[in-house]
Amino acid sequence: MKGPLVLLLSLLLVAGVAAGAWWFGWERYTTTPGVLGLDEAAATSELEDSGLRAEAGEPAYSENVAAGLVIATDPGPGGKVLDGGTVSLTLSLGPERYDVPDLVGQTEDQAQDALAATNLAFGASKARWSETVPEGQVIRTSPKPGTTLKPGASVDLVLSRGRKPIEVKDWTGESFDDASAALEKRGLQVSVTAEEYSDSVAEGDVISQDPPTATLFRGDTVSFVVSLGPELVEVPRVQAMGVDAATELLEGLGFEVETEESGTYLGLGYVASSDPGAGEEIPKGSTITLFLV
């Protein structure tokens, strides 16, 4: 009896080991169902139907799977998981994209830091004059703010050189109208501070300007004194006046006086006529000839 009993016990031991191995190695595990491409709710339901629990793992970007859908599980589809165990779901964030930030007004260094913080790359920078953005700050970006880009895409910067200087020449002796048109076209303001008579500067030309030459900026003012030309004075009537009285009157008005004998000269010392004649307007300093009788 002893031999058969030992054999029976041995068989029972082997069967027990086999049953244990079967249980611990296979029977207590469930195959992870395939839930890829499902949304979280559908994937959770599918796992619960298989006696498993679902938990959301760390989401990840995907170029191919829409946001909110399962792109991976742990264990993966077909993998073993303990009955009632947990399957971690990796949900898609959709394609990885970043919006170009608004960098206007930032320095180049600040803009580069901001791009790096949004997983975008600094491309190149170029400088342009700006009347509104201080020197060294960003005027605009290319692409413009709000543009959606892939990670690592380049963004170019346009930086301000500050206000554009405007060189002003001396317009003295030249046409005021020409000066005004040229300066206003370049964004400068023009002011006439005075109009004065001038024997040397033609009417409508510039007598002086302030500043005479300078480096200005858009909106600055250039002031001018503009010529009215020579001052005109009306020649008074001096016919029949004594030559001394007529000369005194004319010189008092700023004229030069010369005398000549008229064709009917009698030596009386009176004025027969003048050239220019009475009533004519001529520049002060002009010469008037008196014809004596």
Protein backbone atom coordinates (compact mmCIF):
# COMPACT_ATOMS: atom_id res chain seq x y z
CA MET A 1 0.00 0.00 0.00
CA LYS A 2 2.84 2.32 0.68
CA GLY A 3 3.94 2.51 -2.97
CA PRO A 4 0.53 3.30 -4.42
CA LEU A 5 -0.08 5.93 -1.68
CA VAL A 6 3.17 7.71 -2.51
CA LEU A 7 2.29 7.64 -6.18
CA LEU A 8 -1.14 9.09 -5.47
CA LEU A 9 0.29 11.85 -3.34
CA SER A 10 2.83 12.63 -6.02
CA LEU A 11 0.11 12.87 -8.66
CA LEU A 12 -1.96 15.13 -6.44
CA LEU A 13 1.07 17.35 -5.80
CA VAL A 14 1.80 17.64 -9.52
CA ALA A 15 -1.84 18.44 -10.24
CA GLY A 16 -1.84 21.09 -7.54
CA VAL A 17 1.29 22.70 -8.85
CA ALA A 18 -0.14 22.67 -12.37
CA ALA A 19 -3.41 24.17 -11.19
CA GLY A 20 -1.54 26.86 -9.27
CA ALA A 21 0.62 27.64 -12.21
CA TRP A 22 -2.42 27.83 -14.45
CA TRP A 23 -4.17 30.15 -12.01
CA PHE A 24 -1.28 32.45 -11.23
CA GLY A 25 0.15 32.39 -14.70
CA TRP A 26 -2.96 32.70 -16.83
CA GLU A 27 -6.43 32.35 -15.37
CA ARG A 28 -6.37 35.36 -13.08
CA TYR A 29 -5.28 37.65 -15.96
CA THR A 30 -7.51 39.38 -18.52
CA THR A 31 -6.47 40.34 -22.01
CA THR A 32 -6.49 44.11 -22.49
CA PRO A 33 -9.14 44.97 -25.09
CA GLY A 34 -8.29 47.28 -28.00
CA VAL A 35 -9.65 50.75 -27.29
CA LEU A 36 -7.35 52.81 -29.52
CA GLY A 37 -9.16 55.60 -31.35
CA LEU A 38 -12.05 55.68 -28.83
CA ASP A 39 -12.83 58.67 -26.68
CA GLU A 40 -12.28 58.38 -22.93
CA ALA A 41 -15.88 57.52 -22.10
CA ALA A 42 -16.15 54.78 -24.73
CA ALA A 43 -12.75 53.33 -23.80
CA THR A 44 -13.67 53.31 -20.10
CA SER A 45 -16.95 51.53 -20.85
CA GLU A 46 -15.14 48.94 -22.97
CA LEU A 47 -12.63 48.24 -20.23
CA GLU A 48 -15.27 48.02 -17.53
CA ASP A 49 -17.18 45.49 -19.64
CA SER A 50 -14.00 43.40 -19.51
CA GLY A 51 -13.83 43.71 -15.73
CA LEU A 52 -11.08 46.30 -15.79
CA ARG A 53 -10.73 49.87 -14.55
CA ALA A 54 -9.56 52.84 -16.61
CA GLU A 55 -7.41 55.73 -15.55
CA ALA A 56 -6.25 58.72 -17.56
CA GLY A 57 -2.51 58.83 -17.96
CA GLU A 58 -0.34 61.69 -19.18
CA PRO A 59 -1.82 63.01 -22.47
CA ALA A 60 0.39 63.30 -25.52
CA TYR A 61 0.43 65.16 -28.83
CA SER A 62 -0.41 63.30 -32.02
CA GLU A 63 -0.27 64.32 -35.65
CA ASN A 64 -2.70 61.54 -36.64
CA VAL A 65 -5.20 61.08 -33.80
CA ALA A 66 -7.77 63.75 -32.99
CA ALA A 67 -7.70 65.42 -29.60
CA GLY A 68 -9.52 63.48 -26.88
CA LEU A 69 -9.12 60.02 -28.45
CA VAL A 70 -6.98 57.18 -27.09
CA ILE A 71 -3.58 56.87 -28.77
CA ALA A 72 -2.05 54.25 -26.43
CA THR A 73 -2.83 52.04 -23.40
CA ASP A 74 -0.70 50.46 -20.71
CA PRO A 75 -0.81 47.49 -21.01
CA GLY A 76 -1.23 47.69 -24.74
CA PRO A 77 -4.03 45.97 -26.68
CA GLY A 78 -3.80 42.18 -26.19
CA GLY A 79 -1.56 42.54 -23.16
CA LYS A 80 -2.23 40.81 -19.83
CA VAL A 81 -3.71 42.64 -16.87
CA LEU A 82 -4.94 41.21 -13.57
CA ASP A 83 -8.68 40.72 -13.28
CA GLY A 84 -10.13 43.96 -11.97
CA GLY A 85 -6.83 45.68 -12.70
CA THR A 86 -6.25 49.14 -14.14
CA VAL A 87 -5.45 50.13 -17.70
CA SER A 88 -3.85 53.54 -18.20
CA LEU A 89 -5.18 55.54 -21.15
CA THR A 90 -3.04 58.00 -23.10
CA LEU A 91 -5.36 60.56 -24.65
CA SER A 92 -4.42 62.65 -27.67
CA LEU A 93 -3.89 66.38 -27.41
CA GLY A 94 -4.10 66.60 -31.17
CA PRO A 95 -1.24 68.00 -33.27
CA GLU A 96 1.37 69.94 -31.29
CA ARG A 97 0.99 73.56 -32.31
CA TYR A 98 1.89 76.94 -30.83
CA ASP A 99 0.59 80.44 -31.51
CA VAL A 100 3.06 83.20 -32.31
CA PRO A 101 2.98 85.54 -29.27
CA ASP A 102 2.53 89.31 -29.53
CA LEU A 103 6.09 90.60 -29.22
CA VAL A 104 5.56 94.25 -30.21
CA GLY A 105 7.46 96.56 -27.87
CA GLN A 106 9.80 93.87 -26.54
CA THR A 107 13.57 93.94 -26.95
CA GLU A 108 15.22 91.34 -29.16
CA ASP A 109 16.40 89.35 -26.14
CA GLN A 110 12.94 89.43 -24.54
CA ALA A 111 11.35 88.33 -27.81
CA GLN A 112 13.77 85.42 -28.19
CA ASP A 113 13.00 84.27 -24.64
CA ALA A 114 9.26 84.50 -25.32
CA LEU A 115 9.61 82.41 -28.49
CA ALA A 116 11.65 79.77 -26.69
CA ALA A 117 8.98 79.61 -23.97
CA THR A 118 6.37 78.76 -26.60
CA ASN A 119 8.57 76.14 -28.31
CA LEU A 120 9.12 78.38 -31.34
CA ALA A 121 12.49 79.36 -32.77
CA PHE A 122 13.99 82.78 -33.45
CA GLY A 123 14.70 83.12 -37.17
CA ALA A 124 16.29 86.44 -38.12
CA SER A 125 15.88 90.13 -37.39
CA LYS A 126 16.07 93.24 -39.54
CA ALA A 127 15.91 96.92 -38.60
CA ARG A 128 13.45 99.51 -39.87
CA TRP A 129 12.78 103.18 -39.01
CA SER A 130 9.74 103.78 -36.81
CA GLU A 131 8.10 107.00 -35.64
CA THR A 132 6.23 105.23 -32.83
CA VAL A 133 8.31 102.28 -31.58
CA PRO A 134 11.47 103.13 -29.59
CA GLU A 135 14.83 102.02 -30.94
CA GLY A 136 15.67 98.37 -30.29
CA GLN A 137 12.08 97.21 -29.76
CA VAL A 138 10.01 94.87 -31.93
CA ILE A 139 7.80 96.58 -34.53
CA ARG A 140 6.23 93.39 -35.90
CA THR A 141 6.83 89.70 -36.43
CA SER A 142 6.64 87.38 -39.41
CA PRO A 143 4.41 85.40 -39.21
CA LYS A 144 2.10 87.81 -37.37
CA PRO A 145 0.89 87.23 -33.78
CA GLY A 146 -1.71 84.50 -33.42
CA THR A 147 -0.39 82.43 -36.34
CA THR A 148 -0.37 78.74 -35.37
CA LEU A 149 2.92 76.93 -36.06
CA LYS A 150 4.55 73.56 -35.49
CA PRO A 151 7.08 73.36 -32.64
CA GLY A 152 10.48 74.68 -33.63
CA ALA A 153 9.12 76.82 -36.48
CA SER A 154 11.04 80.08 -37.04
CA VAL A 155 9.67 83.54 -36.33
CA ASP A 156 11.41 86.62 -37.78
CA LEU A 157 11.53 90.00 -36.04
CA VAL A 158 11.45 93.55 -37.39
CA LEU A 159 13.23 95.82 -34.91
CA SER A 160 12.98 99.59 -34.63
CA ARG A 161 15.92 101.81 -35.56
CA GLY A 162 14.09 104.67 -33.87
CA ARG A 163 12.83 107.79 -35.61
CA LYS A 164 14.20 108.47 -39.08
CA PRO A 165 16.41 111.59 -39.13
CA ILE A 166 15.63 114.22 -41.77
CA GLU A 167 18.45 116.39 -43.09
CA VAL A 168 17.33 119.98 -43.73
CA LYS A 169 19.27 122.22 -46.13
CA ASP A 170 19.48 126.01 -46.15
CA TRP A 171 16.77 127.42 -48.43
CA THR A 172 17.90 131.05 -48.09
CA GLY A 173 17.49 132.88 -51.42
CA GLU A 174 15.31 130.11 -52.89
CA SER A 175 11.57 129.94 -53.44
CA PHE A 176 9.57 129.59 -50.24
CA ASP A 177 6.89 127.62 -52.09
CA ASP A 178 9.50 125.10 -53.21
CA ALA A 179 10.94 124.88 -49.70
CA SER A 180 7.51 124.41 -48.13
CA ALA A 181 6.49 121.68 -50.57
CA ALA A 182 9.76 119.78 -50.14
CA LEU A 183 9.74 119.92 -46.35
CA GLU A 184 6.06 119.04 -45.93
CA LYS A 185 6.51 116.09 -48.27
CA ARG A 186 9.12 114.78 -45.85
CA GLY A 187 6.80 115.15 -42.87
CA LEU A 188 8.05 118.43 -41.45
CA GLN A 189 5.94 121.42 -40.40
CA VAL A 190 6.51 124.80 -42.06
CA SER A 191 5.93 128.18 -40.42
CA VAL A 192 6.24 131.75 -41.75
CA THR A 193 7.28 133.92 -38.84
CA ALA A 194 7.51 137.16 -40.84
CA GLU A 195 7.29 138.75 -44.25
CA GLU A 196 9.73 141.54 -44.86
CA TYR A 197 10.68 143.92 -47.65
CA SER A 198 14.04 143.24 -49.24
CA ASP A 199 16.00 145.01 -51.94
CA SER A 200 18.22 141.95 -52.47
CA VAL A 201 15.84 138.97 -52.13
CA ALA A 202 13.09 138.59 -54.71
CA GLU A 203 9.45 138.52 -53.65
CA GLY A 204 8.42 135.05 -52.46
CA ASP A 205 11.97 133.88 -51.77
CA VAL A 206 13.43 133.01 -48.38
CA ILE A 207 15.28 135.72 -46.48
CA SER A 208 16.19 133.45 -43.56
CA GLN A 209 15.17 130.18 -41.91
CA ASP A 210 15.36 128.64 -38.45
CA PRO A 211 17.14 126.30 -38.06
CA PRO A 212 19.29 127.14 -41.11
CA THR A 213 20.56 123.56 -41.42
CA ALA A 214 19.80 120.69 -39.06
CA THR A 215 18.91 117.06 -38.54
CA LEU A 216 15.23 116.99 -37.58
CA PHE A 217 12.48 114.42 -37.17
CA ARG A 218 8.99 114.05 -38.63
CA GLY A 219 6.67 116.66 -37.14
CA ASP A 220 9.43 119.17 -36.30
CA THR A 221 9.01 122.76 -37.51
CA VAL A 222 11.18 124.88 -39.81
CA SER A 223 10.43 128.63 -39.62
CA PHE A 224 10.96 131.13 -42.45
CA VAL A 225 11.16 134.86 -43.04
CA VAL A 226 9.82 135.44 -46.56
CA SER A 227 10.60 138.39 -48.82
CA LEU A 228 7.94 140.82 -49.98
CA GLY A 229 10.44 142.12 -52.53
CA PRO A 230 11.49 145.80 -52.58
CA GLU A 231 9.22 148.21 -50.71
CA LEU A 232 7.20 150.24 -53.25
CA VAL A 233 6.55 153.95 -52.68
CA GLU A 234 4.16 156.11 -54.68
CA VAL A 235 5.85 159.00 -56.46
CA PRO A 236 4.27 162.26 -55.28
CA ARG A 237 3.31 165.17 -57.58
CA VAL A 238 6.18 167.65 -57.65
CA GLN A 239 5.28 169.57 -60.84
CA ALA A 240 5.55 173.36 -60.36
CA MET A 241 7.43 172.92 -57.06
CA GLY A 242 10.76 174.57 -56.49
CA VAL A 243 13.64 172.24 -57.14
CA ASP A 244 14.87 172.38 -53.52
CA ALA A 245 11.44 171.65 -52.05
CA ALA A 246 10.82 168.81 -54.51
CA THR A 247 14.23 167.28 -53.81
CA GLU A 248 13.66 167.43 -50.04
CA LEU A 249 10.25 165.78 -50.41
CA LEU A 250 11.51 162.94 -52.61
CA GLU A 251 14.62 162.24 -50.55
CA GLY A 252 12.42 162.17 -47.46
CA LEU A 253 10.50 159.31 -49.08
CA GLY A 254 13.71 157.40 -49.67
CA PHE A 255 14.36 158.26 -53.32
CA GLU A 256 17.53 159.39 -55.01
CA VAL A 257 17.11 162.65 -56.96
CA GLU A 258 18.77 163.87 -60.16
CA THR A 259 17.99 167.03 -62.10
CA GLU A 260 18.07 167.86 -65.79
CA GLU A 261 17.07 170.87 -67.81
CA SER A 262 13.85 170.46 -69.69
CA GLY A 263 13.47 171.39 -73.37
CA THR A 264 11.88 174.67 -72.28
CA TYR A 265 14.44 175.50 -69.61
CA LEU A 266 14.34 179.19 -68.58
CA GLY A 267 16.44 179.05 -65.44
CA LEU A 268 13.49 179.56 -63.08
CA GLY A 269 14.35 176.64 -60.78
CA TYR A 270 10.93 174.99 -60.86
CA VAL A 271 10.02 171.42 -61.73
CA ALA A 272 8.33 170.96 -65.09
CA SER A 273 7.95 167.13 -64.73
CA SER A 274 9.51 164.02 -63.21
CA ASP A 275 10.49 160.55 -64.36
CA PRO A 276 8.96 158.30 -63.05
CA GLY A 277 5.89 160.46 -62.96
CA ALA A 278 3.45 161.22 -60.16
CA GLY A 279 1.33 158.27 -59.01
CA GLU A 280 3.74 155.52 -60.09
CA GLU A 281 4.85 152.99 -57.40
CA ILE A 282 8.54 152.24 -57.47
CA PRO A 283 11.02 150.64 -55.04
CA LYS A 284 12.37 152.80 -52.27
CA GLY A 285 15.89 153.92 -53.18
CA SER A 286 15.05 154.31 -56.85
CA THR A 287 16.28 157.40 -58.69
CA ILE A 288 13.79 160.07 -59.81
CA THR A 289 14.85 162.60 -62.42
CA LEU A 290 13.43 166.12 -62.15
CA PHE A 291 13.17 168.17 -65.34
CA LEU A 292 13.56 171.87 -64.59
CA VAL A 293 12.11 174.83 -66.32
